[in-house]
């Protein structure tokens, strides 16, 4: 049953225009960044906006390096 839904979703995504796909990807990325920022803020309730941006930047860089490292091993 889940496979049918996934197939339908994949088919619907395939029919989208490229600019619609890009808009979805940007929205998803923005949501992930907001969630990550809120996680940092929850761990550091008194953090300044400047510190938050710096920690967020470092965390996103770390995630990118980790993914690149994983690809190199495959």
PDB file of N, CA and C in Angstrom:
ATOM      1  N   UNK A   1       0.823  -1.193   0.000  1.00  0.00           N
ATOM      2  CA  UNK A   1       0.000   0.000   0.000  1.00  0.00           C
ATOM      3  C   UNK A   1       0.871   1.263   0.000  1.00  0.00           C
ATOM      4  N   UNK A   2       1.926   1.281   0.833  1.00  0.00           N
ATOM      5  CA  UNK A   2       2.814   2.436   0.872  1.00  0.00           C
ATOM      6  C   UNK A   2       3.522   2.607  -0.461  1.00  0.00           C
ATOM      7  N   UNK A   3       3.851   1.520  -1.126  1.00  0.00           N
ATOM      8  CA  UNK A   3       4.533   1.587  -2.415  1.00  0.00           C
ATOM      9  C   UNK A   3       3.643   2.256  -3.451  1.00  0.00           C
ATOM     10  N   UNK A   4       2.340   1.958  -3.426  1.00  0.00           N
ATOM     11  CA  UNK A   4       1.406   2.595  -4.364  1.00  0.00           C
ATOM     12  C   UNK A   4       1.392   4.105  -4.168  1.00  0.00           C
ATOM     13  N   UNK A   5       1.332   4.537  -2.907  1.00  0.00           N
ATOM     14  CA  UNK A   5       1.319   5.975  -2.617  1.00  0.00           C
ATOM     15  C   UNK A   5       2.621   6.622  -3.073  1.00  0.00           C
ATOM     16  N   UNK A   6       3.739   5.957  -2.839  1.00  0.00           N
ATOM     17  CA  UNK A   6       5.030   6.485  -3.254  1.00  0.00           C
ATOM     18  C   UNK A   6       5.103   6.592  -4.767  1.00  0.00           C
ATOM     19  N   UNK A   7       4.603   5.583  -5.459  1.00  0.00           N
ATOM     20  CA  UNK A   7       4.582   5.615  -6.924  1.00  0.00           C
ATOM     21  C   UNK A   7       3.730   6.779  -7.435  1.00  0.00           C
ATOM     22  N   UNK A   8       2.582   6.998  -6.805  1.00  0.00           N
ATOM     23  CA  UNK A   8       1.708   8.108  -7.211  1.00  0.00           C
ATOM     24  C   UNK A   8       2.381   9.446  -6.950  1.00  0.00           C
ATOM     25  N   UNK A   9       3.029   9.574  -5.789  1.00  0.00           N
ATOM     26  CA  UNK A   9       3.723  10.823  -5.470  1.00  0.00           C
ATOM     27  C   UNK A   9       4.863  11.066  -6.445  1.00  0.00           C
ATOM     28  N   UNK A  10       5.605  10.030  -6.771  1.00  0.00           N
ATOM     29  CA  UNK A  10       6.718  10.146  -7.713  1.00  0.00           C
ATOM     30  C   UNK A  10       6.204  10.559  -9.084  1.00  0.00           C
ATOM     31  N   UNK A  11       5.095   9.982  -9.492  1.00  0.00           N
ATOM     32  CA  UNK A  11       4.493  10.323 -10.785  1.00  0.00           C
ATOM     33  C   UNK A  11       4.050  11.788 -10.805  1.00  0.00           C
ATOM     34  N   UNK A  12       3.429  12.234  -9.713  1.00  0.00           N
ATOM     35  CA  UNK A  12       2.988  13.635  -9.628  1.00  0.00           C
ATOM     36  C   UNK A  12       4.178  14.579  -9.671  1.00  0.00           C
ATOM     37  N   UNK A  13       5.241  14.243  -8.960  1.00  0.00           N
ATOM     38  CA  UNK A  13       6.436  15.085  -8.969  1.00  0.00           C
ATOM     39  C   UNK A  13       7.041  15.149 -10.367  1.00  0.00           C
ATOM     40  N   UNK A  14       6.992  14.039 -11.083  1.00  0.00           N
ATOM     41  CA  UNK A  14       7.538  14.000 -12.436  1.00  0.00           C
ATOM     42  C   UNK A  14       6.797  14.914 -13.401  1.00  0.00           C
ATOM     43  N   UNK A  15       5.553  15.194 -13.113  1.00  0.00           N
ATOM     44  CA  UNK A  15       4.758  16.057 -13.997  1.00  0.00           C
ATOM     45  C   UNK A  15       4.928  17.543 -13.693  1.00  0.00           C
ATOM     46  N   UNK A  16       5.595  17.858 -12.604  1.00  0.00           N
ATOM     47  CA  UNK A  16       5.788  19.264 -12.256  1.00  0.00           C
ATOM     48  C   UNK A  16       6.777  19.926 -13.204  1.00  0.00           C
ATOM     49  N   UNK A  17       6.600  21.220 -13.373  1.00  0.00           N
ATOM     50  CA  UNK A  17       7.545  21.998 -14.167  1.00  0.00           C
ATOM     51  C   UNK A  17       8.842  22.127 -13.365  1.00  0.00           C
ATOM     52  N   UNK A  18       9.973  22.279 -14.054  1.00  0.00           N
ATOM     53  CA  UNK A  18      11.245  22.412 -13.336  1.00  0.00           C
ATOM     54  C   UNK A  18      11.228  23.515 -12.275  1.00  0.00           C
ATOM     55  N   UNK A  19      10.622  24.655 -12.596  1.00  0.00           N
ATOM     56  CA  UNK A  19      10.602  25.748 -11.619  1.00  0.00           C
ATOM     57  C   UNK A  19       9.752  25.400 -10.396  1.00  0.00           C
ATOM     58  N   UNK A  20       8.731  24.551 -10.580  1.00  0.00           N
ATOM     59  CA  UNK A  20       7.925  24.100  -9.441  1.00  0.00           C
ATOM     60  C   UNK A  20       8.738  23.161  -8.560  1.00  0.00           C
ATOM     61  N   UNK A  21       9.527  22.303  -9.183  1.00  0.00           N
ATOM     62  CA  UNK A  21      10.395  21.392  -8.423  1.00  0.00           C
ATOM     63  C   UNK A  21      11.424  22.187  -7.625  1.00  0.00           C
ATOM     64  N   UNK A  22      11.989  23.214  -8.235  1.00  0.00           N
ATOM     65  CA  UNK A  22      12.973  24.047  -7.543  1.00  0.00           C
ATOM     66  C   UNK A  22      12.321  24.764  -6.362  1.00  0.00           C
ATOM     67  N   UNK A  23      11.118  25.283  -6.556  1.00  0.00           N
ATOM     68  CA  UNK A  23      10.409  25.970  -5.475  1.00  0.00           C
ATOM     69  C   UNK A  23      10.161  25.019  -4.302  1.00  0.00           C
ATOM     70  N   UNK A  24       9.795  23.786  -4.592  1.00  0.00           N
ATOM     71  CA  UNK A  24       9.574  22.788  -3.535  1.00  0.00           C
ATOM     72  C   UNK A  24      10.876  22.515  -2.803  1.00  0.00           C
ATOM     73  N   UNK A  25      11.969  22.340  -3.552  1.00  0.00           N
ATOM     74  CA  UNK A  25      13.268  22.072  -2.937  1.00  0.00           C
ATOM     75  C   UNK A  25      13.704  23.232  -2.042  1.00  0.00           C
ATOM     76  N   UNK A  26      13.486  24.457  -2.493  1.00  0.00           N
ATOM     77  CA  UNK A  26      13.846  25.633  -1.689  1.00  0.00           C
ATOM     78  C   UNK A  26      13.007  25.678  -0.420  1.00  0.00           C
ATOM     79  N   UNK A  27      11.716  25.434  -0.543  1.00  0.00           N
ATOM     80  CA  UNK A  27      10.836  25.426   0.633  1.00  0.00           C
ATOM     81  C   UNK A  27      11.272  24.357   1.639  1.00  0.00           C
ATOM     82  N   UNK A  28      11.628  23.183   1.138  1.00  0.00           N
ATOM     83  CA  UNK A  28      12.071  22.101   2.028  1.00  0.00           C
ATOM     84  C   UNK A  28      13.385  22.471   2.715  1.00  0.00           C
ATOM     85  N   UNK A  29      14.293  23.073   1.964  1.00  0.00           N
ATOM     86  CA  UNK A  29      15.564  23.489   2.543  1.00  0.00           C
ATOM     87  C   UNK A  29      15.347  24.545   3.617  1.00  0.00           C
ATOM     88  N   UNK A  30      14.505  25.527   3.316  1.00  0.00           N
ATOM     89  CA  UNK A  30      14.200  26.565   4.300  1.00  0.00           C
ATOM     90  C   UNK A  30      13.613  25.962   5.576  1.00  0.00           C
ATOM     91  N   UNK A  31      12.723  25.003   5.418  1.00  0.00           N
ATOM     92  CA  UNK A  31      12.110  24.353   6.588  1.00  0.00           C
ATOM     93  C   UNK A  31      13.168  23.623   7.407  1.00  0.00           C
ATOM     94  N   UNK A  32      14.074  22.933   6.749  1.00  0.00           N
ATOM     95  CA  UNK A  32      15.144  22.215   7.456  1.00  0.00           C
ATOM     96  C   UNK A  32      16.048  23.181   8.212  1.00  0.00           C
ATOM     97  N   UNK A  33      16.379  24.306   7.601  1.00  0.00           N
ATOM     98  CA  UNK A  33      17.225  25.305   8.261  1.00  0.00           C
ATOM     99  C   UNK A  33      16.509  25.879   9.481  1.00  0.00           C
ATOM    100  N   UNK A  34      15.223  26.172   9.345  1.00  0.00           N
ATOM    101  CA  UNK A  34      14.458  26.699  10.487  1.00  0.00           C
ATOM    102  C   UNK A  34      14.416  25.690  11.634  1.00  0.00           C
ATOM    103  N   UNK A  35      14.209  24.419  11.309  1.00  0.00           N
ATOM    104  CA  UNK A  35      14.163  23.374  12.342  1.00  0.00           C
ATOM    105  C   UNK A  35      15.512  23.264  13.039  1.00  0.00           C
ATOM    106  N   UNK A  36      16.573  23.301  12.255  1.00  0.00           N
ATOM    107  CA  UNK A  36      17.920  23.232  12.819  1.00  0.00           C
ATOM    108  C   UNK A  36      18.168  24.431  13.737  1.00  0.00           C
ATOM    109  N   UNK A  37      17.785  25.618  13.297  1.00  0.00           N
ATOM    110  CA  UNK A  37      17.962  26.831  14.100  1.00  0.00           C
ATOM    111  C   UNK A  37      17.177  26.738  15.404  1.00  0.00           C
ATOM    112  N   UNK A  38      15.971  26.222  15.340  1.00  0.00           N
ATOM    113  CA  UNK A  38      15.164  26.083  16.555  1.00  0.00           C
ATOM    114  C   UNK A  38      15.785  25.063  17.512  1.00  0.00           C
ATOM    115  N   UNK A  39      16.413  24.031  16.969  1.00  0.00           N
ATOM    116  CA  UNK A  39      17.112  23.062  17.817  1.00  0.00           C
ATOM    117  C   UNK A  39      18.275  23.714  18.547  1.00  0.00           C
ATOM    118  N   UNK A  40      19.031  24.531  17.835  1.00  0.00           N
ATOM    119  CA  UNK A  40      20.149  25.258  18.454  1.00  0.00           C
ATOM    120  C   UNK A  40      19.614  26.211  19.519  1.00  0.00           C
ATOM    121  N   UNK A  41      18.529  26.910  19.197  1.00  0.00           N
ATOM    122  CA  UNK A  41      17.944  27.860  20.153  1.00  0.00           C
ATOM    123  C   UNK A  41      17.426  27.122  21.403  1.00  0.00           C
ATOM    124  N   UNK A  42      16.871  25.939  21.221  1.00  0.00           N
ATOM    125  CA  UNK A  42      16.377  25.158  22.370  1.00  0.00           C
ATOM    126  C   UNK A  42      17.532  24.737  23.279  1.00  0.00           C
ATOM    127  N   UNK A  43      18.681  24.442  22.678  1.00  0.00           N
ATOM    128  CA  UNK A  43      19.859  24.052  23.463  1.00  0.00           C
ATOM    129  C   UNK A  43      20.547  25.260  24.094  1.00  0.00           C
ATOM    130  N   UNK A  44      20.332  26.442  23.529  1.00  0.00           N
ATOM    131  CA  UNK A  44      20.990  27.670  23.983  1.00  0.00           C
ATOM    132  C   UNK A  44      19.955  28.794  24.062  1.00  0.00           C
ATOM    133  N   UNK A  45      19.095  28.782  25.067  1.00  0.00           N
ATOM    134  CA  UNK A  45      17.981  29.728  25.113  1.00  0.00           C
ATOM    135  C   UNK A  45      18.387  31.204  25.121  1.00  0.00           C
ATOM    136  N   UNK A  46      19.563  31.520  25.621  1.00  0.00           N
ATOM    137  CA  UNK A  46      19.990  32.912  25.710  1.00  0.00           C
ATOM    138  C   UNK A  46      20.899  33.335  24.560  1.00  0.00           C
ATOM    139  N   UNK A  47      20.946  32.549  23.502  1.00  0.00           N
ATOM    140  CA  UNK A  47      21.856  32.808  22.388  1.00  0.00           C
ATOM    141  C   UNK A  47      21.442  34.075  21.631  1.00  0.00           C
ATOM    142  N   UNK A  48      22.448  34.842  21.211  1.00  0.00           N
ATOM    143  CA  UNK A  48      22.154  36.027  20.400  1.00  0.00           C
ATOM    144  C   UNK A  48      21.905  35.577  18.960  1.00  0.00           C
ATOM    145  N   UNK A  49      21.306  36.459  18.195  1.00  0.00           N
ATOM    146  CA  UNK A  49      21.021  36.140  16.792  1.00  0.00           C
ATOM    147  C   UNK A  49      22.325  35.886  16.026  1.00  0.00           C
ATOM    148  N   UNK A  50      23.340  36.676  16.325  1.00  0.00           N
ATOM    149  CA  UNK A  50      24.640  36.521  15.668  1.00  0.00           C
ATOM    150  C   UNK A  50      25.271  35.161  15.995  1.00  0.00           C
ATOM    151  N   UNK A  51      25.208  34.764  17.257  1.00  0.00           N
ATOM    152  CA  UNK A  51      25.743  33.460  17.659  1.00  0.00           C
ATOM    153  C   UNK A  51      24.940  32.324  17.028  1.00  0.00           C
ATOM    154  N   UNK A  52      23.631  32.508  16.971  1.00  0.00           N
ATOM    155  CA  UNK A  52      22.766  31.494  16.371  1.00  0.00           C
ATOM    156  C   UNK A  52      23.137  31.274  14.905  1.00  0.00           C
ATOM    157  N   UNK A  53      23.306  32.344  14.172  1.00  0.00           N
ATOM    158  CA  UNK A  53      23.661  32.241  12.755  1.00  0.00           C
ATOM    159  C   UNK A  53      25.008  31.533  12.601  1.00  0.00           C
ATOM    160  N   UNK A  54      25.967  31.866  13.455  1.00  0.00           N
ATOM    161  CA  UNK A  54      27.292  31.235  13.376  1.00  0.00           C
ATOM    162  C   UNK A  54      27.211  29.734  13.687  1.00  0.00           C
ATOM    163  N   UNK A  55      26.494  29.370  14.741  1.00  0.00           N
ATOM    164  CA  UNK A  55      26.340  27.946  15.084  1.00  0.00           C
ATOM    165  C   UNK A  55      25.591  27.204  13.977  1.00  0.00           C
ATOM    166  N   UNK A  56      24.588  27.842  13.417  1.00  0.00           N
ATOM    167  CA  UNK A  56      23.821  27.234  12.331  1.00  0.00           C
ATOM    168  C   UNK A  56      24.714  27.006  11.112  1.00  0.00           C
ATOM    169  N   UNK A  57      25.505  28.015  10.777  1.00  0.00           N
ATOM    170  CA  UNK A  57      26.433  27.892   9.646  1.00  0.00           C
ATOM    171  C   UNK A  57      27.406  26.738   9.867  1.00  0.00           C
ATOM    172  N   UNK A  58      27.961  26.637  11.077  1.00  0.00           N
ATOM    173  CA  UNK A  58      28.902  25.556  11.384  1.00  0.00           C
ATOM    174  C   UNK A  58      28.217  24.191  11.310  1.00  0.00           C
ATOM    175  N   UNK A  59      26.996  24.108  11.819  1.00  0.00           N
ATOM    176  CA  UNK A  59      26.282  22.828  11.797  1.00  0.00           C
ATOM    177  C   UNK A  59      25.983  22.399  10.362  1.00  0.00           C
ATOM    178  N   UNK A  60      25.571  23.346   9.526  1.00  0.00           N
ATOM    179  CA  UNK A  60      25.273  23.015   8.135  1.00  0.00           C
ATOM    180  C   UNK A  60      26.544  22.615   7.383  1.00  0.00           C
ATOM    181  N   UNK A  61      27.657  23.271   7.680  1.00  0.00           N
ATOM    182  CA  UNK A  61      28.932  22.876   7.074  1.00  0.00           C
ATOM    183  C   UNK A  61      29.311  21.470   7.507  1.00  0.00           C
ATOM    184  N   UNK A  62      29.111  21.155   8.796  1.00  0.00           N
ATOM    185  CA  UNK A  62      29.437  19.831   9.312  1.00  0.00           C
ATOM    186  C   UNK A  62      28.597  18.761   8.611  1.00  0.00           C
ATOM    187  N   UNK A  63      27.325  19.042   8.443  1.00  0.00           N
ATOM    188  CA  UNK A  63      26.436  18.089   7.765  1.00  0.00           C
ATOM    189  C   UNK A  63      26.900  17.873   6.330  1.00  0.00           C
ATOM    190  N   UNK A  64      27.265  18.943   5.657  1.00  0.00           N
ATOM    191  CA  UNK A  64      27.725  18.836   4.262  1.00  0.00           C
ATOM    192  C   UNK A  64      29.006  18.009   4.179  1.00  0.00           C
ATOM    193  N   UNK A  65      29.954  18.262   5.091  1.00  0.00           N
ATOM    194  CA  UNK A  65      31.206  17.483   5.099  1.00  0.00           C
ATOM    195  C   UNK A  65      30.929  16.012   5.375  1.00  0.00           C
ATOM    196  N   UNK A  66      30.022  15.748   6.284  1.00  0.00           N
ATOM    197  CA  UNK A  66      29.680  14.365   6.638  1.00  0.00           C
ATOM    198  C   UNK A  66      29.088  13.639   5.428  1.00  0.00           C
ATOM    199  N   UNK A  67      28.196  14.308   4.685  1.00  0.00           N
ATOM    200  CA  UNK A  67      27.590  13.696   3.507  1.00  0.00           C
ATOM    201  C   UNK A  67      28.633  13.466   2.424  1.00  0.00           C
ATOM    202  N   UNK A  68      29.540  14.420   2.218  1.00  0.00           N
ATOM    203  CA  UNK A  68      30.604  14.275   1.225  1.00  0.00           C
ATOM    204  C   UNK A  68      31.512  13.116   1.585  1.00  0.00           C
ATOM    205  N   UNK A  69      31.841  13.005   2.873  1.00  0.00           N
ATOM    206  CA  UNK A  69      32.697  11.916   3.344  1.00  0.00           C
ATOM    207  C   UNK A  69      32.026  10.562   3.109  1.00  0.00           C
ATOM    208  N   UNK A  70      30.731  10.502   3.346  1.00  0.00           N
ATOM    209  CA  UNK A  70      29.969   9.268   3.150  1.00  0.00           C
ATOM    210  C   UNK A  70      29.984   8.860   1.683  1.00  0.00           C
ATOM    211  N   UNK A  71      29.814   9.825   0.779  1.00  0.00           N
ATOM    212  CA  UNK A  71      29.824   9.543  -0.666  1.00  0.00           C
ATOM    213  C   UNK A  71      31.182   9.030  -1.103  1.00  0.00           C
ATOM    214  N   UNK A  72      32.257   9.557  -0.517  1.00  0.00           N
ATOM    215  CA  UNK A  72      33.603   9.130  -0.884  1.00  0.00           C
ATOM    216  C   UNK A  72      33.853   7.676  -0.513  1.00  0.00           C
ATOM    217  N   UNK A  73      33.208   7.191   0.515  1.00  0.00           N
ATOM    218  CA  UNK A  73      33.406   5.804   0.962  1.00  0.00           C
ATOM    219  C   UNK A  73      32.660   4.795   0.091  1.00  0.00           C
ATOM    220  N   UNK A  74      31.618   5.245  -0.605  1.00  0.00           N
ATOM    221  CA  UNK A  74      30.787   4.328  -1.415  1.00  0.00           C
ATOM    222  C   UNK A  74      31.432   4.041  -2.731  1.00  0.00           C
TER     223      UNK A  74
END
